[in-house]
C-alpha atoms as a PDB file:
ATOM      1  CA  MET A   1      25.971 -24.819  -2.904  1.00  0.00           C
ATOM      2  CA  THR A   2      24.708 -21.460  -4.077  1.00  0.00           C
ATOM      3  CA  SER A   3      26.712 -18.579  -2.683  1.00  0.00           C
ATOM      4  CA  LEU A   4      25.127 -15.493  -1.151  1.00  0.00           C
ATOM      5  CA  THR A   5      26.544 -13.483  -4.004  1.00  0.00           C
ATOM      6  CA  GLU A   6      24.814 -15.745  -6.509  1.00  0.00           C
ATOM      7  CA  LYS A   7      21.536 -15.594  -4.625  1.00  0.00           C
ATOM      8  CA  THR A   8      21.719 -11.760  -4.731  1.00  0.00           C
ATOM      9  CA  THR A   9      22.570 -11.903  -8.393  1.00  0.00           C
ATOM     10  CA  THR A  10      19.685 -14.254  -9.001  1.00  0.00           C
ATOM     11  CA  ARG A  11      17.117 -11.889  -7.563  1.00  0.00           C
ATOM     12  CA  SER A  12      18.482  -8.790  -9.414  1.00  0.00           C
ATOM     13  CA  LEU A  13      18.951 -10.732 -12.659  1.00  0.00           C
ATOM     14  CA  SER A  14      17.501  -8.879 -15.739  1.00  0.00           C
ATOM     15  CA  VAL A  15      14.948 -11.095 -17.510  1.00  0.00           C
ATOM     16  CA  SER A  16      16.420  -9.923 -20.771  1.00  0.00           C
ATOM     17  CA  LYS A  17      19.592 -11.921 -20.058  1.00  0.00           C
ATOM     18  CA  ILE A  18      17.634 -15.134 -19.938  1.00  0.00           C
ATOM     19  CA  PRO A  19      16.942 -16.705 -23.277  1.00  0.00           C
ATOM     20  CA  GLN A  20      13.255 -17.390 -24.047  1.00  0.00           C
ATOM     21  CA  GLU A  21      14.083 -21.118 -24.430  1.00  0.00           C
ATOM     22  CA  ALA A  22      14.730 -21.238 -20.687  1.00  0.00           C
ATOM     23  CA  PHE A  23      11.317 -19.793 -19.860  1.00  0.00           C
ATOM     24  CA  ASP A  24       9.614 -22.335 -22.223  1.00  0.00           C
ATOM     25  CA  TRP A  25      11.517 -25.182 -20.666  1.00  0.00           C
ATOM     26  CA  TYR A  26      10.657 -24.033 -17.196  1.00  0.00           C
ATOM     27  CA  ASP A  27       7.007 -23.966 -18.272  1.00  0.00           C
ATOM     28  CA  GLU A  28       7.298 -27.575 -19.481  1.00  0.00           C
ATOM     29  CA  TYR A  29       8.966 -28.520 -16.244  1.00  0.00           C
ATOM     30  CA  ALA A  30       6.437 -26.701 -13.993  1.00  0.00           C
ATOM     31  CA  HIS A  31       3.579 -28.479 -15.769  1.00  0.00           C
ATOM     32  CA  GLY A  32       5.052 -31.971 -15.630  1.00  0.00           C
ATOM     33  CA  ASP A  33       5.965 -32.377 -19.277  1.00  0.00           C
ATOM     34  CA  ILE A  34       9.606 -32.854 -18.411  1.00  0.00           C
ATOM     35  CA  ASP A  35      11.388 -33.747 -15.173  1.00  0.00           C
ATOM     36  CA  ARG A  36      13.904 -31.623 -13.227  1.00  0.00           C
ATOM     37  CA  ARG A  37      16.902 -33.434 -14.595  1.00  0.00           C
ATOM     38  CA  THR A  38      15.809 -32.842 -18.218  1.00  0.00           C
ATOM     39  CA  PHE A  39      15.077 -29.183 -17.345  1.00  0.00           C
ATOM     40  CA  LEU A  40      18.559 -28.630 -15.867  1.00  0.00           C
ATOM     41  CA  SER A  41      20.181 -30.583 -18.632  1.00  0.00           C
ATOM     42  CA  ARG A  42      18.573 -28.317 -21.197  1.00  0.00           C
ATOM     43  CA  LEU A  43      19.605 -25.193 -19.248  1.00  0.00           C
ATOM     44  CA  GLY A  44      23.168 -26.512 -19.305  1.00  0.00           C
ATOM     45  CA  THR A  45      23.176 -26.310 -23.157  1.00  0.00           C
ATOM     46  CA  LEU A  46      22.543 -22.548 -23.055  1.00  0.00           C
ATOM     47  CA  SER A  47      25.355 -19.975 -23.305  1.00  0.00           C
ATOM     48  CA  VAL A  48      24.440 -17.097 -21.015  1.00  0.00           C
ATOM     49  CA  THR A  49      27.379 -14.763 -20.687  1.00  0.00           C
ATOM     50  CA  GLY A  50      28.355 -14.067 -17.075  1.00  0.00           C
ATOM     51  CA  LEU A  51      25.642 -16.275 -15.527  1.00  0.00           C
ATOM     52  CA  SER A  52      26.141 -19.740 -14.113  1.00  0.00           C
ATOM     53  CA  LEU A  53      23.600 -22.563 -14.478  1.00  0.00           C
ATOM     54  CA  SER A  54      22.648 -22.280 -10.820  1.00  0.00           C
ATOM     55  CA  VAL A  55      21.942 -18.584 -11.106  1.00  0.00           C
ATOM     56  CA  VAL A  56      19.693 -19.032 -14.151  1.00  0.00           C
ATOM     57  CA  ALA A  57      17.865 -22.103 -12.569  1.00  0.00           C
ATOM     58  CA  ASN A  58      17.362 -20.238  -9.255  1.00  0.00           C
ATOM     59  CA  ALA A  59      16.071 -17.183 -11.084  1.00  0.00           C
ATOM     60  CA  LEU A  60      13.336 -19.275 -12.718  1.00  0.00           C
ATOM     61  CA  THR A  61      12.265 -21.156  -9.659  1.00  0.00           C
ATOM     62  CA  PRO A  62      10.219 -19.403  -6.881  1.00  0.00           C
ATOM     63  CA  ASN A  63      11.819 -17.624  -4.038  1.00  0.00           C
ATOM     64  CA  TYR A  64       8.806 -16.801  -1.877  1.00  0.00           C
ATOM     65  CA  ALA A  65      10.753 -14.421   0.398  1.00  0.00           C
ATOM     66  CA  GLN A  66      10.497 -11.980  -2.510  1.00  0.00           C
ATOM     67  CA  ALA A  67       6.710 -12.331  -2.944  1.00  0.00           C
ATOM     68  CA  GLU A  68       5.147 -10.691   0.166  1.00  0.00           C
ATOM     69  CA  GLN A  69       3.356  -7.448  -0.652  1.00  0.00           C
ATOM     70  CA  VAL A  70       0.944  -7.457   2.309  1.00  0.00           C
ATOM     71  CA  SER A  71       2.114  -8.802   5.615  1.00  0.00           C
ATOM     72  CA  PHE A  72      -0.051 -11.292   7.596  1.00  0.00           C
ATOM     73  CA  ASN A  73       0.407  -8.789  10.492  1.00  0.00           C
ATOM     74  CA  ASP A  74      -1.077  -5.971   8.500  1.00  0.00           C
ATOM     75  CA  PRO A  75      -3.425  -4.076  10.954  1.00  0.00           C
ATOM     76  CA  ASP A  76      -6.243  -3.727   8.391  1.00  0.00           C
ATOM     77  CA  ILE A  77      -6.833  -7.560   7.918  1.00  0.00           C
ATOM     78  CA  THR A  78      -7.090 -10.765   9.873  1.00  0.00           C
ATOM     79  CA  ALA A  79      -5.859 -14.022   8.403  1.00  0.00           C
ATOM     80  CA  SER A  80      -6.663 -17.444   9.642  1.00  0.00           C
ATOM     81  CA  TYR A  81      -7.199 -21.068   8.381  1.00  0.00           C
ATOM     82  CA  LEU A  82     -10.699 -22.422   8.087  1.00  0.00           C
ATOM     83  CA  GLU A  83     -11.699 -26.086   7.630  1.00  0.00           C
ATOM     84  CA  PHE A  84     -14.982 -26.867   5.949  1.00  0.00           C
ATOM     85  CA  ASP A  85     -17.070 -29.829   4.874  1.00  0.00           C
ATOM     86  CA  SER A  86     -16.631 -30.769   1.236  1.00  0.00           C
ATOM     87  CA  PRO A  87     -19.178 -33.394   0.114  1.00  0.00           C
ATOM     88  CA  ASN A  88     -18.486 -32.699  -3.567  1.00  0.00           C
ATOM     89  CA  GLY A  89     -14.697 -33.029  -3.031  1.00  0.00           C
ATOM     90  CA  HIS A  90     -12.553 -34.918  -0.505  1.00  0.00           C
ATOM     91  CA  GLY A  91     -15.041 -34.727   2.279  1.00  0.00           C
ATOM     92  CA  ARG A  92     -13.136 -32.234   4.328  1.00  0.00           C
ATOM     93  CA  ALA A  93     -11.071 -29.240   3.047  1.00  0.00           C
ATOM     94  CA  ARG A  94      -9.175 -26.244   4.365  1.00  0.00           C
ATOM     95  CA  GLY A  95      -8.449 -22.763   3.112  1.00  0.00           C
ATOM     96  CA  TYR A  96      -6.722 -19.479   4.004  1.00  0.00           C
ATOM     97  CA  LEU A  97      -9.386 -16.925   4.991  1.00  0.00           C
ATOM     98  CA  VAL A  98      -8.558 -13.257   5.122  1.00  0.00           C
ATOM     99  CA  ILE A  99     -11.097 -10.729   6.269  1.00  0.00           C
ATOM    100  CA  PRO A 100     -10.848  -6.909   6.364  1.00  0.00           C
ATOM    101  CA  ASN A 101     -11.030  -5.748   9.944  1.00  0.00           C
ATOM    102  CA  ASN A 102     -13.885  -3.399   9.191  1.00  0.00           C
ATOM    103  CA  VAL A 103     -16.091  -6.250   7.847  1.00  0.00           C
ATOM    104  CA  ASN A 104     -18.606  -8.039  10.059  1.00  0.00           C
ATOM    105  CA  ALA A 105     -22.246  -9.233  10.118  1.00  0.00           C
ATOM    106  CA  ASP A 106     -23.456  -5.609  10.084  1.00  0.00           C
ATOM    107  CA  ASN A 107     -20.940  -4.372   7.471  1.00  0.00           C
ATOM    108  CA  LYS A 108     -20.694  -7.103   4.868  1.00  0.00           C
ATOM    109  CA  SER A 109     -18.335  -7.419   1.897  1.00  0.00           C
ATOM    110  CA  PRO A 110     -18.257  -9.541  -1.275  1.00  0.00           C
ATOM    111  CA  ALA A 111     -16.012 -12.528  -1.286  1.00  0.00           C
ATOM    112  CA  VAL A 112     -13.346 -13.570  -3.766  1.00  0.00           C
ATOM    113  CA  LEU A 113     -12.203 -17.167  -4.051  1.00  0.00           C
ATOM    114  CA  VAL A 114      -8.444 -17.544  -4.847  1.00  0.00           C
ATOM    115  CA  ALA A 115      -7.356 -20.568  -6.822  1.00  0.00           C
ATOM    116  CA  HIS A 116      -3.698 -21.656  -6.697  1.00  0.00           C
ATOM    117  CA  GLU A 117      -1.470 -23.095  -9.325  1.00  0.00           C
ATOM    118  CA  ASN A 118      -0.737 -26.859  -9.688  1.00  0.00           C
ATOM    119  CA  ARG A 119       1.334 -27.115  -6.507  1.00  0.00           C
ATOM    120  CA  GLY A 120      -0.925 -26.184  -3.560  1.00  0.00           C
ATOM    121  CA  LEU A 121      -1.385 -23.112  -1.388  1.00  0.00           C
ATOM    122  CA  ASN A 122       2.000 -21.546  -1.603  1.00  0.00           C
ATOM    123  CA  PRO A 123       3.137 -18.217   0.014  1.00  0.00           C
ATOM    124  CA  TYR A 124       2.444 -16.269  -3.175  1.00  0.00           C
ATOM    125  CA  ILE A 125      -1.207 -17.258  -3.312  1.00  0.00           C
ATOM    126  CA  LYS A 126      -1.636 -16.500   0.386  1.00  0.00           C
ATOM    127  CA  ASP A 127      -0.285 -13.023  -0.344  1.00  0.00           C
ATOM    128  CA  VAL A 128      -2.720 -12.545  -3.231  1.00  0.00           C
ATOM    129  CA  ALA A 129      -5.544 -13.349  -0.779  1.00  0.00           C
ATOM    130  CA  ARG A 130      -4.158 -10.664   1.612  1.00  0.00           C
ATOM    131  CA  ARG A 131      -3.948  -8.225  -1.231  1.00  0.00           C
ATOM    132  CA  LEU A 132      -7.652  -8.788  -1.933  1.00  0.00           C
ATOM    133  CA  ALA A 133      -8.543  -8.334   1.730  1.00  0.00           C
ATOM    134  CA  LYS A 134      -6.488  -5.207   1.839  1.00  0.00           C
ATOM    135  CA  ALA A 135      -8.607  -3.933  -1.109  1.00  0.00           C
ATOM    136  CA  GLY A 136     -11.745  -4.633   0.884  1.00  0.00           C
ATOM    137  CA  PHE A 137     -12.871  -8.140  -0.168  1.00  0.00           C
ATOM    138  CA  ILE A 138     -13.224 -11.255   1.967  1.00  0.00           C
ATOM    139  CA  ALA A 139     -10.634 -13.593   0.409  1.00  0.00           C
ATOM    140  CA  PHE A 140     -10.573 -17.394   0.705  1.00  0.00           C
ATOM    141  CA  ALA A 141      -7.855 -19.546  -0.749  1.00  0.00           C
ATOM    142  CA  PRO A 142      -8.460 -23.289  -0.527  1.00  0.00           C
ATOM    143  CA  ASP A 143      -5.464 -25.694  -0.475  1.00  0.00           C
ATOM    144  CA  ALA A 144      -6.087 -28.648  -2.786  1.00  0.00           C
ATOM    145  CA  LEU A 145      -3.315 -30.508  -0.904  1.00  0.00           C
ATOM    146  CA  PHE A 146      -5.089 -30.552   2.446  1.00  0.00           C
ATOM    147  CA  PRO A 147      -6.121 -34.228   2.079  1.00  0.00           C
ATOM    148  CA  LEU A 148      -2.323 -34.995   1.835  1.00  0.00           C
ATOM    149  CA  GLY A 149      -1.355 -32.740   4.754  1.00  0.00           C
ATOM    150  CA  GLY A 150      -1.318 -29.419   2.946  1.00  0.00           C
ATOM    151  CA  TYR A 151       1.271 -27.512   0.935  1.00  0.00           C
ATOM    152  CA  PRO A 152       4.617 -29.101   1.880  1.00  0.00           C
ATOM    153  CA  GLY A 153       6.806 -26.010   1.861  1.00  0.00           C
ATOM    154  CA  ASN A 154       8.275 -26.365  -1.654  1.00  0.00           C
ATOM    155  CA  ASP A 155       6.812 -26.341  -5.116  1.00  0.00           C
ATOM    156  CA  ASP A 156       8.476 -29.466  -6.515  1.00  0.00           C
ATOM    157  CA  GLU A 157       7.010 -31.685  -3.802  1.00  0.00           C
ATOM    158  CA  GLY A 158       3.596 -29.820  -3.951  1.00  0.00           C
ATOM    159  CA  ARG A 159       3.443 -30.394  -7.701  1.00  0.00           C
ATOM    160  CA  ALA A 160       4.095 -34.067  -7.342  1.00  0.00           C
ATOM    161  CA  MET A 161       1.470 -34.309  -4.553  1.00  0.00           C
ATOM    162  CA  GLN A 162      -1.218 -32.435  -6.491  1.00  0.00           C
ATOM    163  CA  LYS A 163      -0.616 -34.691  -9.510  1.00  0.00           C
ATOM    164  CA  THR A 164      -1.753 -37.726  -7.380  1.00  0.00           C
ATOM    165  CA  LEU A 165      -5.121 -36.212  -6.498  1.00  0.00           C
ATOM    166  CA  ASP A 166      -8.416 -36.740  -8.353  1.00  0.00           C
ATOM    167  CA  GLY A 167      -8.994 -33.528 -10.350  1.00  0.00           C
ATOM    168  CA  ASN A 168     -12.768 -33.829 -10.011  1.00  0.00           C
ATOM    169  CA  LYS A 169     -12.463 -33.887  -6.276  1.00  0.00           C
ATOM    170  CA  ILE A 170     -10.179 -30.905  -6.328  1.00  0.00           C
ATOM    171  CA  GLU A 171     -12.856 -29.019  -8.360  1.00  0.00           C
ATOM    172  CA  GLY A 172     -15.424 -30.284  -5.816  1.00  0.00           C
ATOM    173  CA  ASP A 173     -13.406 -28.805  -2.904  1.00  0.00           C
ATOM    174  CA  PHE A 174     -13.366 -25.408  -4.676  1.00  0.00           C
ATOM    175  CA  MET A 175     -17.018 -25.646  -5.524  1.00  0.00           C
ATOM    176  CA  ASP A 176     -17.874 -26.210  -1.851  1.00  0.00           C
ATOM    177  CA  ALA A 177     -15.516 -23.380  -0.861  1.00  0.00           C
ATOM    178  CA  ALA A 178     -17.497 -21.087  -3.247  1.00  0.00           C
ATOM    179  CA  THR A 179     -20.779 -22.185  -1.659  1.00  0.00           C
ATOM    180  CA  LEU A 180     -19.253 -21.537   1.794  1.00  0.00           C
ATOM    181  CA  MET A 181     -18.368 -18.040   0.799  1.00  0.00           C
ATOM    182  CA  LYS A 182     -21.706 -17.286  -0.712  1.00  0.00           C
ATOM    183  CA  ASN A 183     -23.375 -18.257   2.579  1.00  0.00           C
ATOM    184  CA  HIS A 184     -20.758 -16.812   4.979  1.00  0.00           C
ATOM    185  CA  GLU A 185     -22.299 -14.548   7.613  1.00  0.00           C
ATOM    186  CA  PHE A 186     -19.903 -11.709   6.710  1.00  0.00           C
ATOM    187  CA  THR A 187     -20.390 -11.720   2.886  1.00  0.00           C
ATOM    188  CA  THR A 188     -23.053 -10.081   0.768  1.00  0.00           C
ATOM    189  CA  GLY A 189     -23.621 -13.360  -1.022  1.00  0.00           C
ATOM    190  CA  LYS A 190     -21.679 -12.137  -4.074  1.00  0.00           C
ATOM    191  CA  VAL A 191     -18.673 -14.329  -4.995  1.00  0.00           C
ATOM    192  CA  GLY A 192     -15.845 -13.516  -7.418  1.00  0.00           C
ATOM    193  CA  MET A 193     -13.021 -15.892  -8.333  1.00  0.00           C
ATOM    194  CA  VAL A 194      -9.439 -15.273  -9.446  1.00  0.00           C
ATOM    195  CA  GLY A 195      -7.015 -18.069 -10.240  1.00  0.00           C
ATOM    196  CA  PHE A 196      -3.562 -18.482 -11.778  1.00  0.00           C
ATOM    197  CA  CYS A 197      -2.482 -21.236 -14.177  1.00  0.00           C
ATOM    198  CA  TYR A 198      -4.308 -24.365 -12.957  1.00  0.00           C
ATOM    199  CA  GLY A 199      -6.326 -21.948 -10.753  1.00  0.00           C
ATOM    200  CA  GLY A 200      -7.119 -20.071 -13.967  1.00  0.00           C
ATOM    201  CA  TYR A 201      -8.624 -23.330 -15.269  1.00  0.00           C
ATOM    202  CA  LEU A 202     -10.523 -23.733 -12.051  1.00  0.00           C
ATOM    203  CA  THR A 203     -11.965 -20.193 -12.421  1.00  0.00           C
ATOM    204  CA  ASN A 204     -13.257 -20.959 -15.860  1.00  0.00           C
ATOM    205  CA  ALA A 205     -14.541 -24.366 -14.654  1.00  0.00           C
ATOM    206  CA  LEU A 206     -16.484 -22.969 -11.669  1.00  0.00           C
ATOM    207  CA  ALA A 207     -17.926 -20.110 -13.709  1.00  0.00           C
ATOM    208  CA  ALA A 208     -19.377 -22.864 -15.983  1.00  0.00           C
ATOM    209  CA  ALA A 209     -20.370 -25.321 -13.251  1.00  0.00           C
ATOM    210  CA  MET A 210     -21.802 -22.791 -10.781  1.00  0.00           C
ATOM    211  CA  PRO A 211     -23.470 -19.994 -12.807  1.00  0.00           C
ATOM    212  CA  ASP A 212     -25.654 -18.998  -9.865  1.00  0.00           C
ATOM    213  CA  THR A 213     -22.785 -18.800  -7.379  1.00  0.00           C
ATOM    214  CA  ILE A 214     -19.817 -17.304  -9.255  1.00  0.00           C
ATOM    215  CA  ASN A 215     -20.618 -13.662 -10.012  1.00  0.00           C
ATOM    216  CA  ALA A 216     -17.385 -12.634 -11.694  1.00  0.00           C
ATOM    217  CA  GLY A 217     -14.284 -14.572 -12.789  1.00  0.00           C
ATOM    218  CA  ALA A 218     -10.744 -13.450 -13.485  1.00  0.00           C
ATOM    219  CA  PRO A 219      -8.614 -16.312 -14.754  1.00  0.00           C
ATOM    220  CA  TYR A 220      -4.937 -15.661 -15.340  1.00  0.00           C
ATOM    221  CA  TYR A 221      -3.384 -17.788 -18.085  1.00  0.00           C
ATOM    222  CA  GLY A 222      -5.937 -20.522 -17.538  1.00  0.00           C
ATOM    223  CA  THR A 223      -7.304 -23.047 -19.988  1.00  0.00           C
ATOM    224  CA  PRO A 224     -11.066 -23.297 -20.706  1.00  0.00           C
ATOM    225  CA  ALA A 225     -13.627 -25.272 -18.739  1.00  0.00           C
ATOM    226  CA  LYS A 226     -14.083 -28.821 -20.075  1.00  0.00           C
ATOM    227  CA  SER A 227     -17.914 -28.551 -20.153  1.00  0.00           C
ATOM    228  CA  ASN A 228     -20.917 -26.314 -19.563  1.00  0.00           C
ATOM    229  CA  ILE A 229     -19.357 -23.237 -21.105  1.00  0.00           C
ATOM    230  CA  ASP A 230     -22.834 -22.438 -22.485  1.00  0.00           C
ATOM    231  CA  LYS A 231     -24.007 -22.145 -18.837  1.00  0.00           C
ATOM    232  CA  ILE A 232     -21.655 -19.241 -17.909  1.00  0.00           C
ATOM    233  CA  LYS A 233     -23.586 -16.183 -16.661  1.00  0.00           C
ATOM    234  CA  ALA A 234     -20.757 -14.343 -14.850  1.00  0.00           C
ATOM    235  CA  PRO A 235     -18.681 -11.674 -16.652  1.00  0.00           C
ATOM    236  CA  LEU A 236     -15.158 -12.803 -17.254  1.00  0.00           C
ATOM    237  CA  GLN A 237     -11.875 -10.872 -17.356  1.00  0.00           C
ATOM    238  CA  LEU A 238      -9.176 -13.068 -18.868  1.00  0.00           C
ATOM    239  CA  HIS A 239      -5.485 -12.344 -18.635  1.00  0.00           C
ATOM    240  CA  PHE A 240      -2.969 -13.972 -21.059  1.00  0.00           C
ATOM    241  CA  ALA A 241       0.805 -13.679 -21.513  1.00  0.00           C
ATOM    242  CA  GLU A 242       1.861 -13.021 -25.110  1.00  0.00           C
ATOM    243  CA  LEU A 243       4.670 -15.676 -24.961  1.00  0.00           C
ATOM    244  CA  ASP A 244       2.563 -18.403 -23.351  1.00  0.00           C
ATOM    245  CA  GLN A 245       2.041 -20.548 -26.454  1.00  0.00           C
ATOM    246  CA  ARG A 246       0.655 -23.507 -24.537  1.00  0.00           C
ATOM    247  CA  VAL A 247      -2.309 -21.682 -22.948  1.00  0.00           C
ATOM    248  CA  ASN A 248      -2.758 -19.207 -25.764  1.00  0.00           C
ATOM    249  CA  ALA A 249      -3.394 -22.086 -28.224  1.00  0.00           C
ATOM    250  CA  THR A 250      -6.654 -22.908 -26.423  1.00  0.00           C
ATOM    251  CA  TRP A 251      -7.977 -19.289 -26.499  1.00  0.00           C
ATOM    252  CA  PRO A 252      -9.326 -18.913 -30.031  1.00  0.00           C
ATOM    253  CA  GLU A 253     -11.815 -21.720 -29.719  1.00  0.00           C
ATOM    254  CA  TYR A 254     -12.701 -20.705 -26.193  1.00  0.00           C
ATOM    255  CA  GLU A 255     -13.357 -17.141 -27.337  1.00  0.00           C
ATOM    256  CA  LYS A 256     -15.535 -18.457 -30.185  1.00  0.00           C
ATOM    257  CA  THR A 257     -17.617 -20.323 -27.710  1.00  0.00           C
ATOM    258  CA  LEU A 258     -17.912 -17.392 -25.355  1.00  0.00           C
ATOM    259  CA  LYS A 259     -19.101 -15.189 -28.239  1.00  0.00           C
ATOM    260  CA  ALA A 260     -21.583 -17.820 -29.376  1.00  0.00           C
ATOM    261  CA  ASN A 261     -23.079 -17.895 -25.922  1.00  0.00           C
ATOM    262  CA  LYS A 262     -23.121 -14.126 -25.443  1.00  0.00           C
ATOM    263  CA  VAL A 263     -20.907 -14.248 -22.407  1.00  0.00           C
ATOM    264  CA  ASP A 264     -19.741 -10.843 -21.171  1.00  0.00           C
ATOM    265  CA  TYR A 265     -15.975 -11.022 -21.310  1.00  0.00           C
ATOM    266  CA  LYS A 266     -12.903  -8.954 -21.850  1.00  0.00           C
ATOM    267  CA  ALA A 267      -9.502 -10.520 -22.618  1.00  0.00           C
ATOM    268  CA  TYR A 268      -6.130  -8.876 -22.216  1.00  0.00           C
ATOM    269  CA  ILE A 269      -2.839 -10.104 -23.729  1.00  0.00           C
ATOM    270  CA  TYR A 270       0.332  -8.695 -22.074  1.00  0.00           C
ATOM    271  CA  ALA A 271       3.125  -7.941 -24.406  1.00  0.00           C
ATOM    272  CA  LYS A 272       6.396  -9.842 -24.066  1.00  0.00           C
ATOM    273  CA  ALA A 273       5.057 -11.659 -20.915  1.00  0.00           C
ATOM    274  CA  ASN A 274       5.619 -15.227 -19.995  1.00  0.00           C
ATOM    275  CA  HIS A 275       3.255 -17.621 -18.253  1.00  0.00           C
ATOM    276  CA  GLY A 276       3.334 -16.700 -14.615  1.00  0.00           C
ATOM    277  CA  PHE A 277       4.136 -13.009 -15.091  1.00  0.00           C
ATOM    278  CA  HIS A 278       1.964 -12.064 -12.126  1.00  0.00           C
ATOM    279  CA  ASN A 279       3.906 -14.229  -9.744  1.00  0.00           C
ATOM    280  CA  ASP A 280       6.518 -11.936  -8.133  1.00  0.00           C
ATOM    281  CA  SER A 281       8.737 -14.672  -6.781  1.00  0.00           C
ATOM    282  CA  THR A 282      10.488 -15.609 -10.074  1.00  0.00           C
ATOM    283  CA  ALA A 283      12.247 -13.989 -13.043  1.00  0.00           C
ATOM    284  CA  ARG A 284       9.019 -14.494 -15.058  1.00  0.00           C
ATOM    285  CA  TYR A 285       7.496 -11.620 -13.045  1.00  0.00           C
ATOM    286  CA  GLN A 286       6.912  -8.415 -15.000  1.00  0.00           C
ATOM    287  CA  GLU A 287       6.074  -5.665 -12.547  1.00  0.00           C
ATOM    288  CA  LYS A 288       4.461  -3.273 -15.048  1.00  0.00           C
ATOM    289  CA  ASN A 289       2.208  -5.912 -16.552  1.00  0.00           C
ATOM    290  CA  ALA A 290       1.424  -7.555 -13.222  1.00  0.00           C
ATOM    291  CA  GLU A 291       0.365  -4.267 -11.640  1.00  0.00           C
ATOM    292  CA  LEU A 292      -1.677  -3.320 -14.682  1.00  0.00           C
ATOM    293  CA  ALA A 293      -3.452  -6.792 -14.631  1.00  0.00           C
ATOM    294  CA  TRP A 294      -4.044  -6.478 -10.887  1.00  0.00           C
ATOM    295  CA  GLN A 295      -5.561  -3.067 -10.965  1.00  0.00           C
ATOM    296  CA  ARG A 296      -7.821  -4.232 -13.793  1.00  0.00           C
ATOM    297  CA  THR A 297      -8.837  -7.193 -11.690  1.00  0.00           C
ATOM    298  CA  LEU A 298      -9.628  -5.176  -8.584  1.00  0.00           C
ATOM    299  CA  ALA A 299     -11.749  -2.647 -10.684  1.00  0.00           C
ATOM    300  CA  PHE A 300     -13.506  -5.576 -12.297  1.00  0.00           C
ATOM    301  CA  PHE A 301     -14.467  -7.110  -9.022  1.00  0.00           C
ATOM    302  CA  LYS A 302     -15.512  -3.749  -7.529  1.00  0.00           C
ATOM    303  CA  GLU A 303     -17.773  -3.171 -10.556  1.00  0.00           C
ATOM    304  CA  ASN A 304     -19.363  -6.669 -10.641  1.00  0.00           C
ATOM    305  CA  LEU A 305     -19.554  -7.606  -7.012  1.00  0.00           C
ATOM    306  CA  ASN A 306     -20.513  -4.371  -5.290  1.00  0.00           C
ATOM    307  CA  ALA A 307     -23.564  -3.791  -7.504  1.00  0.00           C
END
């Protein structure tokens, strides 16, 4: 059992003490390329002075108690769950809806769809939705795991659950969520989208599949859409981590296609950052880069959704 001292050490652990191999192995583990036993076995081969295996492992895996920046009790916003019909997806879906308290049918706001990673609607993603609402946007974060009962409370189980679902139906759920936000009585009809990891892929995919619905897309370390890239109309602001070899390998060809189709895009690569650097619940988090990326994202949405 991890002691209180170890847990405290885990959260204050300097990223510089964790070898890059550990981050790379965690990325493989988080994306299903290796199982947990293999991940821990590899960590056990490292020599990290003064740090136990459990401390390093716990530093790399999420602790969502660390990730709340905007409380669900914040007086400026109202958060709730909203179920909706999803004929293009699983038939019925649910998401986390956060509305600024000054927004209503007479004072409308643009909407931003928030797409989670490959493990369902975890607390970090809900906090991102609250951050957007705090900045003045209506935010809606669907949970791909709703057909299976929703995010189960831990990422390992959530990852395994999401892997069993039909990816096309997940995309359909998010597409129907985008349409819902476009037509919501409190929105201006403008819809942006931000996503992380798998959600970054979804952001690219919906920009390509719904060019008349998605008005701005900000994928974080996401792979390209599989089709219809030539249909993209929305401006894109893409965020990449310098050390994220897996995702970055897909960027040169994607960029070439965006250029060929005259898509308005801006790509940022954050120095010495790992995949997941925006997620403030693990040691991969880099506050300076995360805050810079987020301020760029908010400015991007304000510019393109408020026009």
